[in-house]
Amino acid sequence: MGKKATKAADNMYYLARCEAAESNPELSSRENAAEVVGIDRTRLARIELDTISPYPEEVKAMAAAYNTPELCNSYCARECPIGKNSVKEVTIDDFDRLALKVLGSLKDIDDLRASLIAISEDGVIEASERPAFQEILDSLEKISINAKALQLWAIKNIRL
């Protein structure tokens, strides 16, 4: 890919395009990438330079063109007014590392199940049960994040 745009050096959309250009030289120029993605070249430049935020459909198009499904997750976690409060950003590691993270987060599932059964027995979460319930919620969040990272890895690498 020619010279790097220093003003866009830490922009996730620019970095995704640069990574994609390593396997698809057509994406090495903004002009060609804009055509592939289906947006105006100057708009893509402004997105990559952080002067404007992309629309969700533009992020979806870039994610598809660059084979970076994590762009959608990052957009939702960082930029979407609704998602910023409810979506956790995930990081895609190598498969073996992701598999170990998923397995690690599942190792205490039987204890979580037993704890949830004990808490829910009477249909009320007592004040004394709240810390244990919060631990259950935290563990479920960890499982969810690890599962999402593995799912994004599979979409990116196996094209599911």
N, C-alpha and C. Protein backbone atom coordinates (compact mmCIF):
# COMPACT_ATOMS: atom_id res chain seq x y z
N MET A 1 0.86 -1.17 0.00
CA MET A 1 0.00 0.00 0.00
C MET A 1 0.89 1.21 0.00
N GLY A 2 0.76 2.20 -0.73
CA GLY A 2 1.63 3.36 -0.82
C GLY A 2 1.96 3.95 0.53
N LYS A 3 2.05 5.26 0.57
CA LYS A 3 2.39 5.90 1.84
C LYS A 3 1.20 5.89 2.79
N LYS A 4 1.51 5.92 4.07
CA LYS A 4 0.48 5.89 5.11
C LYS A 4 -0.03 7.31 5.36
N ALA A 5 -1.32 7.42 5.59
CA ALA A 5 -1.92 8.71 5.93
C ALA A 5 -1.73 8.93 7.43
N THR A 6 -0.78 9.78 7.78
CA THR A 6 -0.43 9.94 9.20
C THR A 6 -1.57 10.51 10.02
N LYS A 7 -2.41 11.34 9.43
CA LYS A 7 -3.54 11.90 10.18
C LYS A 7 -4.59 10.84 10.50
N ALA A 8 -4.61 9.78 9.73
CA ALA A 8 -5.60 8.71 9.93
C ALA A 8 -5.00 7.49 10.61
N ALA A 9 -3.77 7.60 11.08
CA ALA A 9 -3.01 6.43 11.54
C ALA A 9 -3.70 5.60 12.61
N ASP A 10 -4.54 6.20 13.45
CA ASP A 10 -5.18 5.42 14.52
C ASP A 10 -6.68 5.25 14.30
N ASN A 11 -7.16 5.57 13.13
CA ASN A 11 -8.57 5.44 12.81
C ASN A 11 -8.88 3.98 12.46
N MET A 12 -9.89 3.40 13.11
CA MET A 12 -10.16 1.97 12.92
C MET A 12 -10.59 1.64 11.49
N TYR A 13 -11.24 2.55 10.81
CA TYR A 13 -11.67 2.29 9.44
C TYR A 13 -10.47 2.32 8.48
N TYR A 14 -9.58 3.26 8.71
CA TYR A 14 -8.35 3.33 7.91
C TYR A 14 -7.49 2.09 8.14
N LEU A 15 -7.33 1.71 9.41
CA LEU A 15 -6.52 0.53 9.74
C LEU A 15 -7.11 -0.74 9.15
N ALA A 16 -8.44 -0.83 9.15
CA ALA A 16 -9.10 -2.01 8.57
C ALA A 16 -8.86 -2.05 7.06
N ARG A 17 -8.92 -0.89 6.41
CA ARG A 17 -8.67 -0.85 4.96
C ARG A 17 -7.22 -1.21 4.66
N CYS A 18 -6.29 -0.71 5.46
CA CYS A 18 -4.87 -1.03 5.25
C CYS A 18 -4.61 -2.52 5.39
N GLU A 19 -5.21 -3.13 6.41
CA GLU A 19 -5.05 -4.58 6.62
C GLU A 19 -5.65 -5.35 5.45
N ALA A 20 -6.81 -4.91 4.99
CA ALA A 20 -7.46 -5.58 3.87
C ALA A 20 -6.66 -5.42 2.58
N ALA A 21 -5.98 -4.29 2.44
CA ALA A 21 -5.19 -4.03 1.23
C ALA A 21 -4.01 -4.98 1.10
N GLU A 22 -3.58 -5.58 2.21
CA GLU A 22 -2.48 -6.54 2.15
C GLU A 22 -2.86 -7.77 1.32
N SER A 23 -4.13 -8.15 1.36
CA SER A 23 -4.57 -9.30 0.57
C SER A 23 -5.39 -8.89 -0.66
N ASN A 24 -5.80 -7.64 -0.71
CA ASN A 24 -6.56 -7.14 -1.86
C ASN A 24 -6.02 -5.75 -2.23
N PRO A 25 -5.04 -5.70 -3.13
CA PRO A 25 -4.41 -4.42 -3.50
C PRO A 25 -5.39 -3.36 -4.02
N GLU A 26 -6.54 -3.80 -4.47
CA GLU A 26 -7.55 -2.86 -4.96
C GLU A 26 -7.97 -1.88 -3.85
N LEU A 27 -7.82 -2.29 -2.60
CA LEU A 27 -8.22 -1.45 -1.47
C LEU A 27 -7.12 -0.52 -0.99
N SER A 28 -5.96 -0.55 -1.66
CA SER A 28 -4.84 0.26 -1.20
C SER A 28 -5.04 1.75 -1.44
N SER A 29 -5.87 2.12 -2.38
CA SER A 29 -6.16 3.54 -2.57
C SER A 29 -7.57 3.84 -2.10
N ARG A 30 -7.75 5.04 -1.58
CA ARG A 30 -9.07 5.44 -1.11
C ARG A 30 -10.07 5.46 -2.26
N GLU A 31 -9.59 5.86 -3.42
CA GLU A 31 -10.48 5.95 -4.58
C GLU A 31 -11.08 4.59 -4.91
N ASN A 32 -10.23 3.59 -5.01
CA ASN A 32 -10.71 2.24 -5.32
C ASN A 32 -11.55 1.67 -4.18
N ALA A 33 -11.09 1.91 -2.96
CA ALA A 33 -11.82 1.39 -1.80
C ALA A 33 -13.21 2.01 -1.73
N ALA A 34 -13.30 3.30 -2.00
CA ALA A 34 -14.60 3.97 -1.97
C ALA A 34 -15.55 3.36 -3.00
N GLU A 35 -15.00 3.02 -4.16
CA GLU A 35 -15.81 2.40 -5.21
C GLU A 35 -16.28 1.01 -4.77
N VAL A 36 -15.37 0.23 -4.18
CA VAL A 36 -15.72 -1.12 -3.72
C VAL A 36 -16.77 -1.05 -2.61
N VAL A 37 -16.58 -0.11 -1.68
CA VAL A 37 -17.50 0.02 -0.55
C VAL A 37 -18.83 0.62 -0.99
N GLY A 38 -18.78 1.49 -2.00
CA GLY A 38 -20.00 2.11 -2.50
C GLY A 38 -20.32 3.44 -1.86
N ILE A 39 -19.26 4.16 -1.44
CA ILE A 39 -19.47 5.51 -0.91
C ILE A 39 -18.53 6.47 -1.63
N ASP A 40 -18.80 7.75 -1.52
CA ASP A 40 -17.99 8.77 -2.15
C ASP A 40 -16.57 8.79 -1.57
N ARG A 41 -15.59 9.01 -2.44
CA ARG A 41 -14.19 9.02 -2.02
C ARG A 41 -13.92 10.07 -0.94
N THR A 42 -14.48 11.27 -1.11
CA THR A 42 -14.24 12.31 -0.10
C THR A 42 -14.91 11.96 1.22
N ARG A 43 -16.04 11.29 1.15
CA ARG A 43 -16.70 10.86 2.40
C ARG A 43 -15.86 9.81 3.10
N LEU A 44 -15.31 8.85 2.35
CA LEU A 44 -14.43 7.86 2.96
C LEU A 44 -13.22 8.53 3.59
N ALA A 45 -12.65 9.51 2.91
CA ALA A 45 -11.50 10.23 3.46
C ALA A 45 -11.88 10.92 4.77
N ARG A 46 -13.03 11.55 4.80
CA ARG A 46 -13.46 12.24 6.02
C ARG A 46 -13.73 11.26 7.16
N ILE A 47 -14.25 10.08 6.82
CA ILE A 47 -14.46 9.04 7.84
C ILE A 47 -13.10 8.59 8.39
N GLU A 48 -12.16 8.32 7.49
CA GLU A 48 -10.83 7.85 7.91
C GLU A 48 -10.03 8.91 8.65
N LEU A 49 -10.34 10.17 8.42
CA LEU A 49 -9.65 11.27 9.11
C LEU A 49 -10.39 11.72 10.37
N ASP A 50 -11.45 11.02 10.72
CA ASP A 50 -12.24 11.31 11.92
C ASP A 50 -12.90 12.69 11.91
N THR A 51 -13.19 13.22 10.73
CA THR A 51 -13.90 14.49 10.70
C THR A 51 -15.41 14.29 10.65
N ILE A 52 -15.85 13.09 10.26
CA ILE A 52 -17.27 12.74 10.32
C ILE A 52 -17.39 11.29 10.79
N SER A 53 -18.54 10.98 11.32
CA SER A 53 -18.83 9.59 11.71
C SER A 53 -19.58 8.91 10.57
N PRO A 54 -19.27 7.66 10.33
CA PRO A 54 -19.98 6.94 9.26
C PRO A 54 -21.40 6.58 9.69
N TYR A 55 -22.23 6.37 8.70
CA TYR A 55 -23.57 5.84 8.96
C TYR A 55 -23.43 4.34 9.18
N PRO A 56 -24.37 3.74 9.91
CA PRO A 56 -24.29 2.29 10.16
C PRO A 56 -24.17 1.47 8.88
N GLU A 57 -24.91 1.85 7.84
CA GLU A 57 -24.85 1.07 6.60
C GLU A 57 -23.49 1.20 5.92
N GLU A 58 -22.79 2.31 6.14
CA GLU A 58 -21.43 2.46 5.61
C GLU A 58 -20.46 1.56 6.36
N VAL A 59 -20.62 1.48 7.66
CA VAL A 59 -19.77 0.59 8.46
C VAL A 59 -19.99 -0.85 8.03
N LYS A 60 -21.24 -1.20 7.82
CA LYS A 60 -21.57 -2.56 7.38
C LYS A 60 -20.93 -2.86 6.02
N ALA A 61 -20.96 -1.89 5.12
CA ALA A 61 -20.36 -2.06 3.79
C ALA A 61 -18.84 -2.17 3.89
N MET A 62 -18.21 -1.35 4.74
CA MET A 62 -16.76 -1.44 4.93
C MET A 62 -16.39 -2.79 5.54
N ALA A 63 -17.15 -3.22 6.54
CA ALA A 63 -16.87 -4.50 7.20
C ALA A 63 -16.92 -5.64 6.19
N ALA A 64 -17.89 -5.60 5.30
CA ALA A 64 -18.01 -6.65 4.28
C ALA A 64 -16.87 -6.56 3.26
N ALA A 65 -16.59 -5.36 2.77
CA ALA A 65 -15.55 -5.18 1.75
C ALA A 65 -14.16 -5.49 2.28
N TYR A 66 -13.91 -5.16 3.54
CA TYR A 66 -12.58 -5.35 4.14
C TYR A 66 -12.47 -6.69 4.86
N ASN A 67 -13.55 -7.46 4.94
CA ASN A 67 -13.61 -8.71 5.71
C ASN A 67 -13.17 -8.48 7.15
N THR A 68 -13.78 -7.48 7.76
CA THR A 68 -13.50 -7.14 9.16
C THR A 68 -14.82 -6.98 9.92
N PRO A 69 -15.46 -8.10 10.25
CA PRO A 69 -16.75 -8.01 10.94
C PRO A 69 -16.66 -7.29 12.28
N GLU A 70 -15.45 -7.22 12.84
CA GLU A 70 -15.27 -6.52 14.11
C GLU A 70 -15.53 -5.03 14.00
N LEU A 71 -15.50 -4.47 12.78
CA LEU A 71 -15.81 -3.05 12.60
C LEU A 71 -17.23 -2.74 13.08
N CYS A 72 -18.16 -3.63 12.79
CA CYS A 72 -19.55 -3.41 13.22
C CYS A 72 -19.64 -3.40 14.74
N ASN A 73 -18.97 -4.35 15.37
CA ASN A 73 -18.96 -4.40 16.83
C ASN A 73 -18.32 -3.14 17.41
N SER A 74 -17.20 -2.71 16.85
CA SER A 74 -16.51 -1.52 17.34
C SER A 74 -17.37 -0.27 17.16
N TYR A 75 -18.03 -0.18 16.01
CA TYR A 75 -18.91 0.96 15.77
C TYR A 75 -20.02 1.01 16.82
N CYS A 76 -20.65 -0.14 17.05
CA CYS A 76 -21.74 -0.18 18.03
C CYS A 76 -21.25 0.18 19.43
N ALA A 77 -20.09 -0.32 19.80
CA ALA A 77 -19.55 -0.08 21.14
C ALA A 77 -19.03 1.34 21.32
N ARG A 78 -18.49 1.94 20.26
CA ARG A 78 -17.84 3.25 20.39
C ARG A 78 -18.68 4.44 19.92
N GLU A 79 -19.46 4.24 18.84
CA GLU A 79 -20.07 5.39 18.19
C GLU A 79 -21.59 5.43 18.22
N CYS A 80 -22.23 4.30 18.19
CA CYS A 80 -23.70 4.27 18.16
C CYS A 80 -24.26 4.80 19.48
N PRO A 81 -25.16 5.77 19.42
CA PRO A 81 -25.70 6.34 20.66
C PRO A 81 -26.38 5.31 21.56
N ILE A 82 -27.00 4.31 20.97
CA ILE A 82 -27.66 3.28 21.77
C ILE A 82 -26.64 2.22 22.20
N GLY A 83 -25.82 1.77 21.26
CA GLY A 83 -24.87 0.70 21.53
C GLY A 83 -23.80 1.06 22.55
N LYS A 84 -23.41 2.34 22.61
CA LYS A 84 -22.36 2.74 23.55
C LYS A 84 -22.69 2.34 24.98
N ASN A 85 -23.97 2.26 25.29
CA ASN A 85 -24.38 1.91 26.65
C ASN A 85 -24.71 0.44 26.84
N SER A 86 -24.69 -0.33 25.76
CA SER A 86 -25.11 -1.72 25.92
C SER A 86 -24.22 -2.74 25.21
N VAL A 87 -23.36 -2.31 24.29
CA VAL A 87 -22.53 -3.25 23.55
C VAL A 87 -21.09 -3.15 24.04
N LYS A 88 -20.51 -4.28 24.35
CA LYS A 88 -19.11 -4.33 24.75
C LYS A 88 -18.25 -4.60 23.53
N GLU A 89 -17.16 -3.86 23.41
CA GLU A 89 -16.25 -4.08 22.29
C GLU A 89 -15.43 -5.34 22.55
N VAL A 90 -15.28 -6.14 21.53
CA VAL A 90 -14.50 -7.38 21.66
C VAL A 90 -13.24 -7.28 20.82
N THR A 91 -12.25 -8.04 21.22
CA THR A 91 -10.99 -8.11 20.49
C THR A 91 -10.85 -9.50 19.92
N ILE A 92 -10.52 -9.57 18.64
CA ILE A 92 -10.34 -10.86 18.00
C ILE A 92 -8.87 -11.26 18.11
N ASP A 93 -8.62 -12.34 18.83
CA ASP A 93 -7.28 -12.90 18.95
C ASP A 93 -7.14 -14.07 17.98
N ASP A 94 -6.04 -14.79 18.10
CA ASP A 94 -5.88 -16.02 17.33
C ASP A 94 -6.87 -17.06 17.86
N PHE A 95 -7.19 -18.02 17.00
CA PHE A 95 -8.18 -19.02 17.35
C PHE A 95 -7.87 -19.75 18.64
N ASP A 96 -6.63 -20.20 18.80
CA ASP A 96 -6.30 -20.98 20.00
C ASP A 96 -6.49 -20.15 21.28
N ARG A 97 -6.13 -18.89 21.22
CA ARG A 97 -6.31 -18.02 22.38
C ARG A 97 -7.80 -17.78 22.67
N LEU A 98 -8.57 -17.57 21.61
CA LEU A 98 -10.01 -17.37 21.78
C LEU A 98 -10.69 -18.61 22.35
N ALA A 99 -10.30 -19.77 21.84
CA ALA A 99 -10.88 -21.02 22.34
C ALA A 99 -10.59 -21.19 23.83
N LEU A 100 -9.37 -20.88 24.24
CA LEU A 100 -9.01 -20.98 25.66
C LEU A 100 -9.80 -19.98 26.51
N LYS A 101 -10.02 -18.78 25.98
CA LYS A 101 -10.81 -17.79 26.72
C LYS A 101 -12.25 -18.26 26.90
N VAL A 102 -12.82 -18.82 25.85
CA VAL A 102 -14.19 -19.33 25.94
C VAL A 102 -14.25 -20.47 26.96
N LEU A 103 -13.34 -21.42 26.84
CA LEU A 103 -13.32 -22.54 27.78
C LEU A 103 -13.08 -22.06 29.21
N GLY A 104 -12.20 -21.10 29.38
CA GLY A 104 -11.93 -20.55 30.72
C GLY A 104 -13.16 -19.89 31.31
N SER A 105 -13.91 -19.16 30.49
CA SER A 105 -15.10 -18.48 31.01
C SER A 105 -16.23 -19.47 31.31
N LEU A 106 -16.17 -20.65 30.71
CA LEU A 106 -17.21 -21.66 30.96
C LEU A 106 -16.88 -22.62 32.10
N LYS A 107 -15.65 -22.56 32.61
CA LYS A 107 -15.21 -23.57 33.58
C LYS A 107 -16.05 -23.60 34.86
N ASP A 108 -16.62 -22.48 35.25
CA ASP A 108 -17.41 -22.43 36.48
C ASP A 108 -18.91 -22.43 36.23
N ILE A 109 -19.32 -22.90 35.07
CA ILE A 109 -20.74 -22.83 34.70
C ILE A 109 -21.63 -23.61 35.66
N ASP A 110 -21.16 -24.74 36.16
CA ASP A 110 -21.97 -25.52 37.09
C ASP A 110 -22.18 -24.77 38.41
N ASP A 111 -21.13 -24.09 38.87
CA ASP A 111 -21.26 -23.28 40.10
C ASP A 111 -22.23 -22.12 39.87
N LEU A 112 -22.16 -21.50 38.70
CA LEU A 112 -23.07 -20.40 38.37
C LEU A 112 -24.52 -20.88 38.35
N ARG A 113 -24.72 -22.03 37.74
CA ARG A 113 -26.06 -22.61 37.66
C ARG A 113 -26.60 -22.88 39.06
N ALA A 114 -25.79 -23.49 39.91
CA ALA A 114 -26.23 -23.81 41.27
C ALA A 114 -26.53 -22.53 42.06
N SER A 115 -25.69 -21.52 41.89
CA SER A 115 -25.89 -20.26 42.59
C SER A 115 -27.17 -19.57 42.12
N LEU A 116 -27.41 -19.59 40.82
CA LEU A 116 -28.61 -18.96 40.29
C LEU A 116 -29.87 -19.69 40.76
N ILE A 117 -29.80 -21.01 40.83
CA ILE A 117 -30.94 -21.78 41.33
C ILE A 117 -31.22 -21.41 42.78
N ALA A 118 -30.15 -21.32 43.59
CA ALA A 118 -30.33 -21.00 45.00
C ALA A 118 -30.91 -19.59 45.18
N ILE A 119 -30.44 -18.65 44.37
CA ILE A 119 -30.93 -17.28 44.49
C ILE A 119 -32.38 -17.17 44.03
N SER A 120 -32.74 -17.90 43.00
CA SER A 120 -34.07 -17.74 42.41
C SER A 120 -35.14 -18.63 43.05
N GLU A 121 -34.76 -19.47 43.98
CA GLU A 121 -35.69 -20.41 44.62
C GLU A 121 -36.97 -19.75 45.11
N ASP A 122 -36.81 -18.64 45.82
CA ASP A 122 -37.97 -18.00 46.42
C ASP A 122 -38.56 -16.89 45.53
N GLY A 123 -37.97 -16.69 44.36
CA GLY A 123 -38.49 -15.70 43.44
C GLY A 123 -38.12 -14.27 43.79
N VAL A 124 -37.28 -14.09 44.80
CA VAL A 124 -36.88 -12.76 45.25
C VAL A 124 -35.37 -12.74 45.42
N ILE A 125 -34.75 -11.65 44.99
CA ILE A 125 -33.31 -11.49 45.21
C ILE A 125 -33.14 -10.63 46.46
N GLU A 126 -32.78 -11.29 47.54
CA GLU A 126 -32.59 -10.61 48.82
C GLU A 126 -31.32 -9.76 48.77
N ALA A 127 -31.23 -8.78 49.64
CA ALA A 127 -30.06 -7.90 49.70
C ALA A 127 -28.79 -8.72 49.92
N SER A 128 -28.89 -9.76 50.72
CA SER A 128 -27.71 -10.59 50.99
C SER A 128 -27.28 -11.42 49.76
N GLU A 129 -28.20 -11.61 48.80
CA GLU A 129 -27.92 -12.39 47.60
C GLU A 129 -27.40 -11.54 46.44
N ARG A 130 -27.50 -10.24 46.58
CA ARG A 130 -27.12 -9.36 45.47
C ARG A 130 -25.66 -9.48 45.05
N PRO A 131 -24.70 -9.58 45.97
CA PRO A 131 -23.32 -9.74 45.50
C PRO A 131 -23.12 -11.02 44.67
N ALA A 132 -23.73 -12.11 45.10
CA ALA A 132 -23.62 -13.37 44.35
C ALA A 132 -24.31 -13.24 43.00
N PHE A 133 -25.45 -12.53 42.98
CA PHE A 133 -26.16 -12.33 41.73
C PHE A 133 -25.33 -11.47 40.77
N GLN A 134 -24.65 -10.45 41.32
CA GLN A 134 -23.79 -9.61 40.48
C GLN A 134 -22.63 -10.43 39.91
N GLU A 135 -22.09 -11.35 40.69
CA GLU A 135 -21.04 -12.26 40.19
C GLU A 135 -21.55 -13.11 39.03
N ILE A 136 -22.78 -13.56 39.13
CA ILE A 136 -23.39 -14.34 38.05
C ILE A 136 -23.48 -13.48 36.79
N LEU A 137 -23.98 -12.26 36.94
CA LEU A 137 -24.10 -11.36 35.80
C LEU A 137 -22.74 -11.05 35.18
N ASP A 138 -21.73 -10.83 36.02
CA ASP A 138 -20.38 -10.56 35.51
C ASP A 138 -19.82 -11.76 34.75
N SER A 139 -20.06 -12.96 35.27
CA SER A 139 -19.59 -14.17 34.60
C SER A 139 -20.30 -14.36 33.27
N LEU A 140 -21.59 -14.09 33.24
CA LEU A 140 -22.34 -14.21 31.99
C LEU A 140 -21.85 -13.19 30.96
N GLU A 141 -21.51 -12.01 31.41
CA GLU A 141 -20.97 -10.98 30.51
C GLU A 141 -19.64 -11.44 29.91
N LYS A 142 -18.81 -12.03 30.74
CA LYS A 142 -17.51 -12.54 30.27
C LYS A 142 -17.71 -13.65 29.24
N ILE A 143 -18.63 -14.56 29.52
CA ILE A 143 -18.95 -15.63 28.57
C ILE A 143 -19.44 -15.03 27.26
N SER A 144 -20.32 -14.05 27.36
CA SER A 144 -20.89 -13.42 26.17
C SER A 144 -19.82 -12.74 25.32
N ILE A 145 -18.91 -12.01 25.94
CA ILE A 145 -17.85 -11.31 25.21
C ILE A 145 -16.93 -12.32 24.53
N ASN A 146 -16.54 -13.36 25.24
CA ASN A 146 -15.66 -14.37 24.66
C ASN A 146 -16.35 -15.13 23.51
N ALA A 147 -17.62 -15.41 23.68
CA ALA A 147 -18.36 -16.10 22.61
C ALA A 147 -18.48 -15.20 21.39
N LYS A 148 -18.72 -13.90 21.59
CA LYS A 148 -18.84 -12.97 20.47
C LYS A 148 -17.51 -12.86 19.73
N ALA A 149 -16.41 -12.80 20.47
CA ALA A 149 -15.08 -12.73 19.83
C ALA A 149 -14.83 -13.98 18.98
N LEU A 150 -15.17 -15.14 19.50
CA LEU A 150 -15.00 -16.38 18.74
C LEU A 150 -15.90 -16.40 17.50
N GLN A 151 -17.11 -15.91 17.66
CA GLN A 151 -18.03 -15.83 16.52
C GLN A 151 -17.49 -14.90 15.43
N LEU A 152 -16.99 -13.73 15.82
CA LEU A 152 -16.41 -12.80 14.84
C LEU A 152 -15.18 -13.39 14.17
N TRP A 153 -14.36 -14.12 14.93
CA TRP A 153 -13.20 -14.79 14.34
C TRP A 153 -13.67 -15.77 13.26
N ALA A 154 -14.71 -16.54 13.58
CA ALA A 154 -15.21 -17.53 12.62
C ALA A 154 -15.77 -16.85 11.37
N ILE A 155 -16.50 -15.77 11.54
CA ILE A 155 -17.03 -15.04 10.38
C ILE A 155 -15.90 -14.53 9.51
N LYS A 156 -14.88 -14.02 10.15
CA LYS A 156 -13.74 -13.44 9.41
C LYS A 156 -12.88 -14.50 8.73
N ASN A 157 -12.65 -15.60 9.40
CA ASN A 157 -11.68 -16.58 8.92
C ASN A 157 -12.27 -17.79 8.22
N ILE A 158 -13.51 -18.13 8.53
CA ILE A 158 -14.13 -19.29 7.91
C ILE A 158 -15.26 -18.85 6.99
N ARG A 159 -15.65 -17.61 7.12
CA ARG A 159 -16.73 -17.01 6.31
C ARG A 159 -18.04 -17.73 6.54
N LEU A 160 -18.42 -17.84 7.81
CA LEU A 160 -19.69 -18.47 8.17
C LEU A 160 -20.86 -17.55 7.87
